Amino acid sequence: MDLSLLVAAVVAVGFAALWLREVRRHRATRQARAALREGLEATQRQAAEASAQQLWLETSGLASQEMLIALDHQLRVRGVNPAARNLLGRPPAEGTLISYVRSLDLEDLVRESLESGTGAVLERIVRFGRRPFLARAVCTPQGIGVSLADIAERERLGRARQDMVANLSHELRTPLTALRLLADTLQVPAGQDPSTARELASKISAEVDTLSQMTQEMLDLAAIESGRQVIRLVPTRLADTVARALEQHADQARRQSVKVGVDVPTDLEVLADTDQAVRAVGNVLHNAVKFSPAGGVVEVRGGLDDGGDSVTLSITDEGPGIPPEELERMFERFFRGDRSRGTPGTGLGLAIVRHILQAHGGEAWAEDRQPPQRGAVLYLRFLPAREPIRSSPD
């Protein structure tokens, strides 16, 4: 009896041990499966995040106008965006930065970034050919990122701003100096003579008019450039616009003995803001008459361009012409070329012309006449009016 009980107890203990071991095994299996599932989910999350980040990087690279280059720490090219491929081409397989961009300045910048450690953004201006780029490099634990932004336009605007300040200072200094001298003359005994005083007062008035004109033209140009100047485009007869501009400058042409010939079809119509178009044509006509010699001829011609998509008005003078390097710059604010030196003016007239034409959806440009002809030709291009102007019944 005692022996059977002992056997039963041993068997029970054995079964209990087996049961506990099985429980532990199942528990370990569940824990392993849970850990495996969690690891798999974490891997999937990381893969999804990496895929989203890759998509974001690719999308950003496609949208960016800057050139983007990804490098490893050995300065091998690992990826570029379309902007970089368009300018530099596709990078060679396992190619280095220097073999791809061929710029020692850029490689020096990247090496400095690598030596400076992670997080620091270094900048430098580098050039590809004659074109300037602002290069930025940043080192990360994964590699080095490089961006290249084209700053040619920024440099051009910087030079234009410097020229504008210099020209404005010069243009203001001349009438202000004249006013000071005239005022000083009025205060000395010679200025007390009535006829002399009247002459000095007349000159002071002329200088004040010059300053007033310059101020008004600067305000007008700023309004046109900023879009505050409202342009109302309506069908307008180009011949009427030319006639109004010519009427405003008839006395100037008569004083300088310059003949103005006009050949513009009376039925030629453009989309224009009448007052602004008259101003643009008048500014060009004023210059043409000013630079033509006594007895010279200014020719104004207008016509529909081939295809009928635009109307071009040309104004030709017989002056000294325009050097090739000044043909584009003559439309800049305050720019005065060789032929303008020594003549009155603010240097804003043609800048206003260009902005008015751009606001009309057109353009303005200049050409020098070919020898043996002398002078220059300025062109104003307008959009044609699609619907004819109806004459009012008598």
Protein backbone atom coordinates (compact mmCIF):
# COMPACT_ATOMS: atom_id res chain seq x y z
CA MET A 1 0.00 0.00 0.00
CA ASP A 2 2.74 2.32 0.93
CA LEU A 3 4.62 1.38 -2.20
CA SER A 4 1.69 2.15 -4.48
CA LEU A 5 1.18 5.46 -2.87
CA LEU A 6 4.81 6.25 -3.34
CA VAL A 7 4.64 5.29 -7.04
CA ALA A 8 1.54 7.38 -7.49
CA ALA A 9 3.21 10.35 -5.85
CA VAL A 10 6.26 9.97 -8.06
CA VAL A 11 4.08 9.75 -11.16
CA ALA A 12 2.10 12.81 -10.06
CA VAL A 13 5.28 14.78 -9.46
CA GLY A 14 6.54 13.72 -12.90
CA PHE A 15 3.35 14.79 -14.60
CA ALA A 16 3.44 18.10 -12.73
CA ALA A 17 7.01 18.70 -13.81
CA LEU A 18 6.11 17.90 -17.43
CA TRP A 19 3.09 20.17 -17.23
CA LEU A 20 5.15 23.03 -15.81
CA ARG A 21 7.81 22.55 -18.46
CA GLU A 22 5.16 22.55 -21.17
CA VAL A 23 3.62 25.70 -19.73
CA ARG A 24 6.99 27.38 -19.67
CA ARG A 25 7.65 26.27 -23.26
CA HIS A 26 4.32 27.64 -24.48
CA ARG A 27 4.93 30.85 -22.58
CA ALA A 28 8.42 31.17 -24.09
CA THR A 29 6.97 30.44 -27.53
CA ARG A 30 4.30 33.13 -27.10
CA GLN A 31 6.89 35.59 -25.89
CA ALA A 32 9.17 34.75 -28.81
CA ARG A 33 6.29 35.13 -31.24
CA ALA A 34 5.29 38.45 -29.66
CA ALA A 35 8.88 39.67 -29.80
CA LEU A 36 9.16 38.51 -33.41
CA ARG A 37 5.87 40.22 -34.26
CA GLU A 38 6.96 43.44 -32.57
CA GLY A 39 10.32 43.29 -34.35
CA LEU A 40 8.58 42.72 -37.68
CA GLU A 41 6.18 45.60 -37.05
CA ALA A 42 9.08 47.86 -36.06
CA THR A 43 10.95 46.85 -39.21
CA GLN A 44 7.86 47.55 -41.32
CA ARG A 45 7.41 50.94 -39.63
CA GLN A 46 11.04 51.80 -40.24
CA ALA A 47 10.77 50.67 -43.85
CA ALA A 48 7.61 52.78 -44.32
CA GLU A 49 9.26 55.79 -42.71
CA ALA A 50 12.35 55.29 -44.84
CA SER A 51 10.18 54.96 -47.96
CA ALA A 52 8.23 58.11 -47.05
CA GLN A 53 11.45 59.98 -46.35
CA GLN A 54 12.92 58.77 -49.64
CA LEU A 55 9.76 59.87 -51.47
CA TRP A 56 9.89 63.25 -49.73
CA LEU A 57 13.55 63.67 -50.62
CA GLU A 58 12.93 62.71 -54.26
CA THR A 59 9.91 65.04 -54.49
CA SER A 60 11.85 67.89 -52.90
CA GLY A 61 14.74 67.26 -55.26
CA LEU A 62 12.41 67.33 -58.27
CA ALA A 63 10.78 70.57 -57.12
CA SER A 64 14.00 72.32 -56.15
CA GLN A 65 15.59 74.71 -58.61
CA GLU A 66 18.85 74.38 -56.72
CA MET A 67 21.32 71.65 -57.62
CA LEU A 68 21.46 68.99 -54.88
CA ILE A 69 24.30 66.46 -54.54
CA ALA A 70 24.50 63.67 -51.93
CA LEU A 71 27.98 62.35 -51.01
CA ASP A 72 29.35 59.69 -48.69
CA HIS A 73 32.22 60.44 -46.33
CA GLN A 74 34.71 59.35 -48.99
CA LEU A 75 33.30 62.12 -51.25
CA ARG A 76 31.75 59.64 -53.67
CA VAL A 77 28.59 60.86 -55.38
CA ARG A 78 25.56 58.88 -54.17
CA GLY A 79 22.76 60.86 -55.76
CA VAL A 80 21.86 64.08 -57.58
CA ASN A 81 18.57 65.81 -58.39
CA PRO A 82 17.33 66.73 -61.92
CA ALA A 83 18.61 70.31 -61.64
CA ALA A 84 22.15 69.00 -61.10
CA ARG A 85 21.82 66.48 -63.92
CA ASN A 86 20.63 69.22 -66.30
CA LEU A 87 23.76 71.30 -65.75
CA LEU A 88 26.42 68.75 -64.80
CA GLY A 89 25.10 65.59 -66.44
CA ARG A 90 24.78 62.17 -64.84
CA PRO A 91 27.46 61.31 -62.29
CA PRO A 92 29.78 58.40 -63.17
CA ALA A 93 29.33 55.13 -61.28
CA GLU A 94 31.27 55.35 -58.01
CA GLY A 95 32.49 58.74 -59.23
CA THR A 96 34.02 61.25 -56.85
CA LEU A 97 32.92 64.84 -56.39
CA ILE A 98 35.93 66.30 -58.19
CA SER A 99 35.44 64.00 -61.19
CA TYR A 100 31.80 65.05 -61.38
CA VAL A 101 31.85 68.83 -60.84
CA ARG A 102 35.52 69.55 -61.66
CA SER A 103 35.63 72.37 -59.12
CA LEU A 104 38.46 72.59 -56.60
CA ASP A 105 36.64 75.35 -54.71
CA LEU A 106 33.60 73.13 -54.16
CA GLU A 107 35.73 70.16 -53.11
CA ASP A 108 37.61 72.37 -50.62
CA LEU A 109 34.27 73.49 -49.16
CA VAL A 110 33.08 69.89 -48.78
CA ARG A 111 36.35 68.80 -47.13
CA GLU A 112 36.06 71.71 -44.67
CA SER A 113 32.52 70.59 -43.88
CA LEU A 114 33.73 67.03 -43.30
CA GLU A 115 36.50 68.23 -40.98
CA SER A 116 34.22 70.59 -39.05
CA GLY A 117 31.95 67.74 -37.92
CA THR A 118 28.24 67.23 -38.18
CA GLY A 119 25.62 69.96 -38.19
CA ALA A 120 27.71 72.92 -39.39
CA VAL A 121 26.56 74.52 -42.66
CA LEU A 122 29.39 76.10 -44.64
CA GLU A 123 28.90 78.47 -47.57
CA ARG A 124 31.04 79.71 -50.44
CA ILE A 125 30.57 81.24 -53.87
CA VAL A 126 31.87 78.98 -56.62
CA ARG A 127 31.77 79.44 -60.38
CA PHE A 128 31.07 77.07 -63.22
CA GLY A 129 32.51 78.86 -66.19
CA ARG A 130 31.58 82.50 -65.57
CA ARG A 131 28.30 81.74 -63.80
CA PRO A 132 28.29 82.19 -59.99
CA PHE A 133 26.62 79.75 -57.58
CA LEU A 134 26.16 79.92 -53.82
CA ALA A 135 27.38 76.53 -52.55
CA ARG A 136 26.31 75.12 -49.17
CA ALA A 137 27.67 71.94 -47.58
CA VAL A 138 26.58 70.15 -44.39
CA CYS A 139 28.03 66.96 -42.90
CA THR A 140 25.78 64.36 -41.25
CA PRO A 141 26.48 60.87 -39.84
CA GLN A 142 25.01 59.42 -43.04
CA GLY A 143 26.99 61.56 -45.48
CA ILE A 144 27.40 65.08 -46.86
CA GLY A 145 24.72 67.19 -48.54
CA VAL A 146 25.64 69.88 -51.07
CA SER A 147 23.36 72.51 -52.63
CA LEU A 148 24.22 74.93 -55.43
CA ALA A 149 22.01 77.99 -56.02
CA ASP A 150 22.41 80.11 -59.16
CA ILE A 151 23.01 83.71 -58.02
CA ALA A 152 23.79 85.30 -61.39
CA GLU A 153 20.54 87.29 -61.30
CA ARG A 154 21.19 88.35 -57.70
CA GLU A 155 24.65 89.62 -58.65
CA ARG A 156 23.20 91.46 -61.65
CA LEU A 157 20.56 93.12 -59.45
CA GLY A 158 23.25 94.02 -56.92
CA ARG A 159 25.30 95.74 -59.62
CA ALA A 160 22.18 97.46 -60.93
CA ARG A 161 21.36 98.71 -57.43
CA GLN A 162 24.88 100.05 -56.97
CA ASP A 163 24.71 101.74 -60.37
CA MET A 164 21.30 103.18 -59.52
CA VAL A 165 22.54 104.68 -56.25
CA ALA A 166 25.64 106.10 -57.95
CA ASN A 167 23.63 107.51 -60.87
CA LEU A 168 20.93 108.89 -58.60
CA SER A 169 23.55 110.63 -56.47
CA HIS A 170 25.12 112.10 -59.59
CA GLU A 171 21.81 113.18 -61.12
CA LEU A 172 20.71 114.86 -57.88
CA ARG A 173 24.06 116.50 -57.29
CA THR A 174 23.99 118.39 -60.60
CA PRO A 175 20.72 120.34 -60.13
CA LEU A 176 21.33 120.80 -56.40
CA THR A 177 24.77 122.29 -57.09
CA ALA A 178 23.27 124.55 -59.74
CA LEU A 179 20.55 125.68 -57.34
CA ARG A 180 23.13 126.47 -54.67
CA LEU A 181 25.23 128.54 -57.08
CA LEU A 182 22.20 130.40 -58.39
CA ALA A 183 20.97 131.11 -54.85
CA ASP A 184 24.43 132.36 -53.83
CA THR A 185 24.53 134.61 -56.90
CA LEU A 186 21.18 136.14 -55.94
CA GLN A 187 22.65 137.15 -52.59
CA VAL A 188 25.63 139.09 -53.96
CA PRO A 189 25.35 142.65 -55.35
CA ALA A 190 25.35 141.40 -58.96
CA GLY A 191 22.20 139.45 -58.24
CA GLN A 192 20.31 142.56 -57.14
CA ASP A 193 20.01 143.80 -60.71
CA PRO A 194 16.38 143.17 -61.79
CA SER A 195 17.23 141.66 -65.19
CA THR A 196 19.92 139.42 -63.66
CA ALA A 197 17.56 138.40 -60.85
CA ARG A 198 14.87 137.44 -63.38
CA GLU A 199 17.37 135.37 -65.38
CA LEU A 200 18.60 133.62 -62.23
CA ALA A 201 15.03 132.97 -61.09
CA SER A 202 14.25 131.46 -64.48
CA LYS A 203 17.25 129.12 -64.20
CA ILE A 204 16.26 128.18 -60.65
CA SER A 205 12.79 127.34 -61.92
CA ALA A 206 14.29 125.15 -64.67
CA GLU A 207 16.44 123.25 -62.16
CA VAL A 208 13.45 122.77 -59.87
CA ASP A 209 11.49 121.43 -62.87
CA THR A 210 14.31 118.92 -63.49
CA LEU A 211 14.17 117.73 -59.88
CA SER A 212 10.38 117.56 -60.01
CA GLN A 213 10.47 115.56 -63.24
CA MET A 214 13.03 113.15 -61.79
CA THR A 215 10.96 112.67 -58.63
CA GLN A 216 7.75 112.10 -60.59
CA GLU A 217 9.41 109.64 -62.97
CA MET A 218 10.87 107.70 -60.02
CA LEU A 219 7.42 107.51 -58.41
CA ASP A 220 5.81 106.48 -61.70
CA LEU A 221 8.43 103.83 -62.33
CA ALA A 222 8.05 102.44 -58.80
CA ALA A 223 4.26 102.31 -59.26
CA ILE A 224 4.57 100.48 -62.60
CA GLU A 225 7.15 98.00 -61.28
CA SER A 226 5.11 97.19 -58.18
CA GLY A 227 1.87 96.74 -60.11
CA ARG A 228 0.14 99.64 -58.34
CA GLN A 229 -0.24 101.47 -61.65
CA VAL A 230 -3.53 100.27 -63.12
CA ILE A 231 -3.24 99.41 -66.82
CA ARG A 232 -6.55 99.28 -68.70
CA LEU A 233 -6.09 97.62 -72.07
CA VAL A 234 -8.67 98.66 -74.66
CA PRO A 235 -8.64 98.61 -78.49
CA THR A 236 -6.71 101.72 -79.56
CA ARG A 237 -5.72 103.08 -82.94
CA LEU A 238 -1.93 103.13 -83.00
CA ALA A 239 -1.91 106.07 -85.42
CA ASP A 240 -3.86 108.15 -82.87
CA THR A 241 -1.37 107.22 -80.13
CA VAL A 242 1.56 108.29 -82.33
CA ALA A 243 -0.24 111.53 -83.28
CA ARG A 244 -0.77 112.47 -79.62
CA ALA A 245 2.87 111.74 -78.75
CA LEU A 246 4.07 113.71 -81.77
CA GLU A 247 1.90 116.66 -80.79
CA GLN A 248 3.55 116.75 -77.36
CA HIS A 249 7.03 116.92 -78.92
CA ALA A 250 6.30 119.07 -81.97
CA ASP A 251 7.93 122.17 -80.42
CA GLN A 252 11.07 120.18 -79.55
CA ALA A 253 11.37 118.91 -83.13
CA ARG A 254 10.81 122.40 -84.51
CA ARG A 255 13.46 123.95 -82.24
CA GLN A 256 16.02 121.34 -83.32
CA SER A 257 15.01 121.50 -87.01
CA VAL A 258 14.24 117.78 -87.01
CA LYS A 259 11.59 116.40 -89.35
CA VAL A 260 9.40 113.55 -88.13
CA GLY A 261 7.91 111.21 -90.72
CA VAL A 262 5.05 108.88 -89.77
CA ASP A 263 3.95 105.76 -91.62
CA VAL A 264 1.34 103.99 -89.48
CA PRO A 265 -1.84 102.56 -91.04
CA THR A 266 -4.89 104.40 -89.73
CA ASP A 267 -6.80 101.15 -89.24
CA LEU A 268 -4.02 99.43 -87.24
CA GLU A 269 -5.34 98.73 -83.74
CA VAL A 270 -3.60 97.53 -80.59
CA LEU A 271 -4.60 96.69 -77.04
CA ALA A 272 -3.31 99.58 -74.98
CA ASP A 273 -3.85 101.90 -72.06
CA THR A 274 -4.07 105.08 -74.11
CA ASP A 275 -2.28 107.44 -71.72
CA GLN A 276 0.48 104.97 -70.88
CA ALA A 277 1.01 104.05 -74.53
CA VAL A 278 1.26 107.74 -75.46
CA ARG A 279 3.83 108.18 -72.71
CA ALA A 280 5.93 105.25 -73.92
CA VAL A 281 5.89 106.41 -77.53
CA GLY A 282 6.55 110.00 -76.40
CA ASN A 283 9.60 109.02 -74.33
CA VAL A 284 11.16 107.20 -77.29
CA LEU A 285 10.24 110.01 -79.69
CA HIS A 286 11.77 112.58 -77.32
CA ASN A 287 15.09 110.71 -77.33
CA ALA A 288 15.02 110.25 -81.11
CA VAL A 289 14.57 113.98 -81.69
CA LYS A 290 17.11 114.91 -78.99
CA PHE A 291 19.89 112.82 -80.52
CA SER A 292 19.20 113.62 -84.17
CA PRO A 293 21.30 116.41 -85.73
CA ALA A 294 19.78 119.64 -87.05
CA GLY A 295 18.12 118.88 -90.36
CA GLY A 296 17.84 115.19 -89.47
CA VAL A 297 14.84 112.94 -89.94
CA VAL A 298 13.07 110.73 -87.42
CA GLU A 299 10.97 107.98 -88.97
CA VAL A 300 8.04 106.33 -87.17
CA ARG A 301 6.66 103.16 -88.75
CA GLY A 302 4.10 100.65 -87.53
CA GLY A 303 2.78 97.40 -88.87
CA LEU A 304 1.34 93.98 -88.09
CA ASP A 305 4.03 91.35 -87.66
CA ASP A 306 4.12 88.12 -89.63
CA GLY A 307 1.51 85.78 -88.24
CA GLY A 308 -0.60 88.61 -86.89
CA ASP A 309 0.26 87.91 -83.24
CA SER A 310 1.83 91.31 -82.52
CA VAL A 311 2.17 94.88 -83.76
CA THR A 312 5.58 96.56 -83.85
CA LEU A 313 6.22 100.30 -83.86
CA SER A 314 9.75 101.37 -84.85
CA ILE A 315 11.25 104.82 -84.23
CA THR A 316 14.48 105.53 -86.15
CA ASP A 317 16.82 108.47 -85.54
CA GLU A 318 19.96 109.76 -87.25
CA GLY A 319 22.00 110.31 -84.10
CA PRO A 320 25.39 108.87 -83.12
CA GLY A 321 24.00 105.35 -82.63
CA ILE A 322 24.33 103.01 -79.67
CA PRO A 323 27.42 100.88 -78.90
CA PRO A 324 26.61 97.12 -78.85
CA GLU A 325 27.48 96.78 -75.15
CA GLU A 326 24.90 99.48 -74.26
CA LEU A 327 21.94 98.15 -76.26
CA GLU A 328 20.50 96.21 -73.33
CA ARG A 329 21.64 98.45 -70.49
CA MET A 330 20.02 101.57 -71.95
CA PHE A 331 16.69 100.38 -70.52
CA GLU A 332 18.07 100.27 -66.97
CA ARG A 333 17.16 102.98 -64.49
CA PHE A 334 19.49 105.99 -64.52
CA PHE A 335 21.74 104.43 -67.15
CA ARG A 336 23.11 107.02 -69.53
CA GLY A 337 25.30 105.87 -72.36
CA ASP A 338 28.01 107.70 -74.25
CA ARG A 339 25.56 109.50 -76.51
CA SER A 340 23.57 110.77 -73.48
CA ARG A 341 26.49 112.39 -71.71
CA GLY A 342 26.28 116.17 -71.69
CA THR A 343 22.56 116.18 -72.54
CA PRO A 344 19.74 116.94 -70.09
CA GLY A 345 17.67 114.06 -68.80
CA THR A 346 17.04 111.80 -65.82
CA GLY A 347 17.99 108.44 -67.32
CA LEU A 348 14.56 107.04 -66.40
CA GLY A 349 12.64 107.52 -69.66
CA LEU A 350 13.51 104.24 -71.36
CA ALA A 351 13.17 102.25 -68.12
CA ILE A 352 9.60 103.54 -67.94
CA VAL A 353 9.08 102.60 -71.59
CA ARG A 354 10.14 99.00 -71.02
CA HIS A 355 7.97 98.56 -67.94
CA ILE A 356 4.94 100.08 -69.69
CA LEU A 357 5.36 97.72 -72.64
CA GLN A 358 5.80 94.71 -70.33
CA ALA A 359 2.60 95.71 -68.52
CA HIS A 360 0.93 95.71 -71.96
CA GLY A 361 2.12 92.16 -72.62
CA GLY A 362 4.68 93.46 -75.14
CA GLU A 363 8.33 94.39 -75.12
CA ALA A 364 10.81 97.13 -76.04
CA TRP A 365 14.29 96.76 -77.47
CA ALA A 366 16.90 98.72 -79.41
CA GLU A 367 19.19 98.12 -82.37
CA ASP A 368 22.01 100.12 -83.89
CA ARG A 369 21.66 100.99 -87.57
CA GLN A 370 24.16 99.33 -89.87
CA PRO A 371 26.75 101.46 -91.73
CA PRO A 372 26.67 103.55 -93.82
CA GLN A 373 23.48 104.56 -92.00
CA ARG A 374 23.78 106.43 -88.72
CA GLY A 375 21.58 106.32 -85.69
CA ALA A 376 19.52 103.82 -83.73
CA VAL A 377 16.14 102.10 -83.96
CA LEU A 378 13.91 101.52 -80.96
CA TYR A 379 11.08 99.01 -81.24
CA LEU A 380 7.84 98.86 -79.26
CA ARG A 381 5.79 95.70 -79.59
CA PHE A 382 2.07 95.66 -78.70
CA LEU A 383 -0.64 93.04 -78.72
CA PRO A 384 -3.11 93.50 -81.59
CA ALA A 385 -6.75 94.30 -80.91
CA ARG A 386 -8.88 91.34 -81.95
CA GLU A 387 -12.08 93.31 -82.42
CA PRO A 388 -12.09 96.37 -84.70
CA ILE A 389 -13.01 99.77 -83.33
CA ARG A 390 -16.41 100.87 -84.56
CA SER A 391 -16.68 104.45 -85.73
CA SER A 392 -19.51 106.39 -84.13
CA PRO A 393 -22.34 107.24 -86.55
CA ASP A 394 -22.52 110.79 -87.86
